[in-house]
Amino acid sequence: QVQLVESGGGLVQAGGSLRLSCAASGSIFRLSVMGWYRQAPGKQRELVATITIAGRPNYVDSVKGRFTVSRDNAKNTVYLQMNSLKPEDTSVYYCHVEPFGPWGQGTQVTVFS
């Protein structure tokens, strides 16, 4: 059973940057597409980015050009580099083993103007 642990969230001013990490236990990580999602208060969880086993990324339009997803299969870790952050990026961010795998516990990102 894969377990996921996110880290790197925090409080940042608009225009700033954060780098989220998601460490996975278990060898299945290297065989899995990974996703980053976010959920703001009162809203549904939404997909932010995915990355294939080979490292091909895909992004939702609202973060294209600002966020970069990457992975290090040797470290069983997936990253989300977030630049030019906006207040509307404020959410709890989760990583996920696609399509039906486990979720991490989430890490809070708060962007203030």
Protein backbone atom coordinates (compact mmCIF):
# COMPACT_ATOMS: atom_id res chain seq x y z
CA GLN A 1 0.00 0.00 0.00
CA VAL A 2 1.46 3.35 -1.08
CA GLN A 3 1.43 6.18 1.41
CA LEU A 4 1.89 9.81 0.35
CA VAL A 5 3.18 12.67 2.49
CA GLU A 6 3.03 16.24 1.20
CA SER A 7 5.16 19.08 2.50
CA GLY A 8 6.26 22.57 1.56
CA GLY A 9 3.08 24.53 2.00
CA GLY A 10 2.96 27.83 3.82
CA LEU A 11 2.05 31.50 3.81
CA VAL A 12 3.40 33.60 0.97
CA GLN A 13 2.79 37.01 -0.50
CA ALA A 14 1.27 37.30 -3.96
CA GLY A 15 3.96 37.00 -6.59
CA GLY A 16 6.03 34.70 -4.43
CA SER A 17 6.96 31.06 -4.84
CA LEU A 18 6.61 27.77 -3.03
CA ARG A 19 7.79 24.27 -3.80
CA LEU A 20 5.62 21.39 -2.71
CA SER A 21 6.95 17.87 -2.31
CA CYS A 22 5.11 14.57 -2.14
CA ALA A 23 7.09 11.62 -0.87
CA ALA A 24 5.70 8.18 -1.62
CA SER A 25 6.42 4.92 0.09
CA GLY A 26 6.31 1.76 -1.98
CA SER A 27 7.70 0.83 -5.36
CA ILE A 28 4.42 1.42 -7.20
CA PHE A 29 5.31 5.12 -7.40
CA ARG A 30 7.66 4.44 -10.29
CA LEU A 31 4.83 2.77 -12.21
CA SER A 32 2.25 5.46 -11.61
CA VAL A 33 1.03 8.66 -13.12
CA MET A 34 0.98 11.22 -10.32
CA GLY A 35 -1.39 14.12 -9.87
CA TRP A 36 -1.51 17.33 -7.87
CA TYR A 37 -4.93 18.60 -6.84
CA ARG A 38 -6.17 21.47 -4.72
CA GLN A 39 -9.28 22.26 -2.76
CA ALA A 40 -10.28 25.70 -1.56
CA PRO A 41 -12.84 26.18 1.23
CA GLY A 42 -16.35 25.57 -0.03
CA LYS A 43 -15.14 24.36 -3.42
CA GLN A 44 -14.67 21.00 -5.06
CA ARG A 45 -11.25 19.44 -5.33
CA GLU A 46 -9.73 20.28 -8.70
CA LEU A 47 -6.90 18.87 -10.73
CA VAL A 48 -3.86 21.13 -11.00
CA ALA A 49 -1.27 19.03 -12.83
CA THR A 50 -0.30 15.50 -13.71
CA ILE A 51 2.98 13.90 -14.66
CA THR A 52 3.47 10.61 -16.46
CA ILE A 53 5.93 7.91 -15.54
CA ALA A 54 8.28 9.29 -18.19
CA GLY A 55 7.96 12.80 -16.82
CA ARG A 56 5.53 14.34 -19.28
CA PRO A 57 3.54 17.09 -17.53
CA ASN A 58 0.05 18.38 -18.08
CA TYR A 59 -1.51 21.46 -16.44
CA VAL A 60 -4.85 23.06 -15.91
CA ASP A 61 -5.06 26.33 -17.81
CA SER A 62 -5.12 28.51 -14.69
CA VAL A 63 -1.59 27.46 -13.68
CA LYS A 64 0.12 27.08 -17.05
CA GLY A 65 3.31 29.11 -17.21
CA ARG A 66 3.41 29.51 -13.41
CA PHE A 67 3.53 25.97 -12.00
CA THR A 68 5.94 23.18 -12.88
CA VAL A 69 5.44 19.54 -11.93
CA SER A 70 8.40 17.18 -11.83
CA ARG A 71 9.32 13.85 -10.35
CA ASP A 72 12.37 12.02 -9.10
CA ASN A 73 11.70 8.31 -9.41
CA ALA A 74 14.89 7.45 -7.54
CA LYS A 75 13.56 9.36 -4.54
CA ASN A 76 9.91 8.33 -4.99
CA THR A 77 9.03 12.01 -4.89
CA VAL A 78 6.93 14.33 -7.02
CA TYR A 79 7.26 18.11 -6.83
CA LEU A 80 5.14 21.12 -7.66
CA GLN A 81 7.07 24.36 -8.14
CA MET A 82 4.64 27.25 -7.86
CA ASN A 83 5.74 30.69 -9.05
CA SER A 84 3.91 33.98 -9.44
CA LEU A 85 1.40 32.86 -6.85
CA LYS A 86 -1.97 34.57 -6.66
CA PRO A 87 -4.50 34.79 -3.81
CA GLU A 88 -6.79 32.52 -5.81
CA ASP A 89 -4.16 29.77 -5.55
CA THR A 90 -4.94 29.54 -1.83
CA SER A 91 -6.00 25.94 -1.18
CA VAL A 92 -5.04 22.70 0.42
CA TYR A 93 -2.86 20.88 -2.09
CA TYR A 94 -2.93 17.10 -2.39
CA CYS A 95 -0.92 14.59 -4.36
CA HIS A 96 -2.55 11.48 -5.73
CA VAL A 97 -1.63 8.22 -7.40
CA GLU A 98 -3.65 8.26 -10.61
CA PRO A 99 -6.26 7.18 -11.29
CA PHE A 100 -7.62 5.37 -8.25
CA GLY A 101 -4.72 5.30 -5.84
CA PRO A 102 -4.29 6.85 -2.41
CA TRP A 103 -4.26 10.52 -1.47
CA GLY A 104 -1.87 12.38 0.75
CA GLN A 105 -3.03 14.33 3.79
CA GLY A 106 -2.65 17.67 2.05
CA THR A 107 -0.57 20.78 2.66
CA GLN A 108 -2.01 24.27 3.07
CA VAL A 109 -0.95 27.04 0.73
CA THR A 110 -2.10 30.55 1.60
CA VAL A 111 -1.33 33.48 -0.68
CA PHE A 112 -2.02 36.99 0.62
CA SER A 113 -2.08 40.23 -1.33
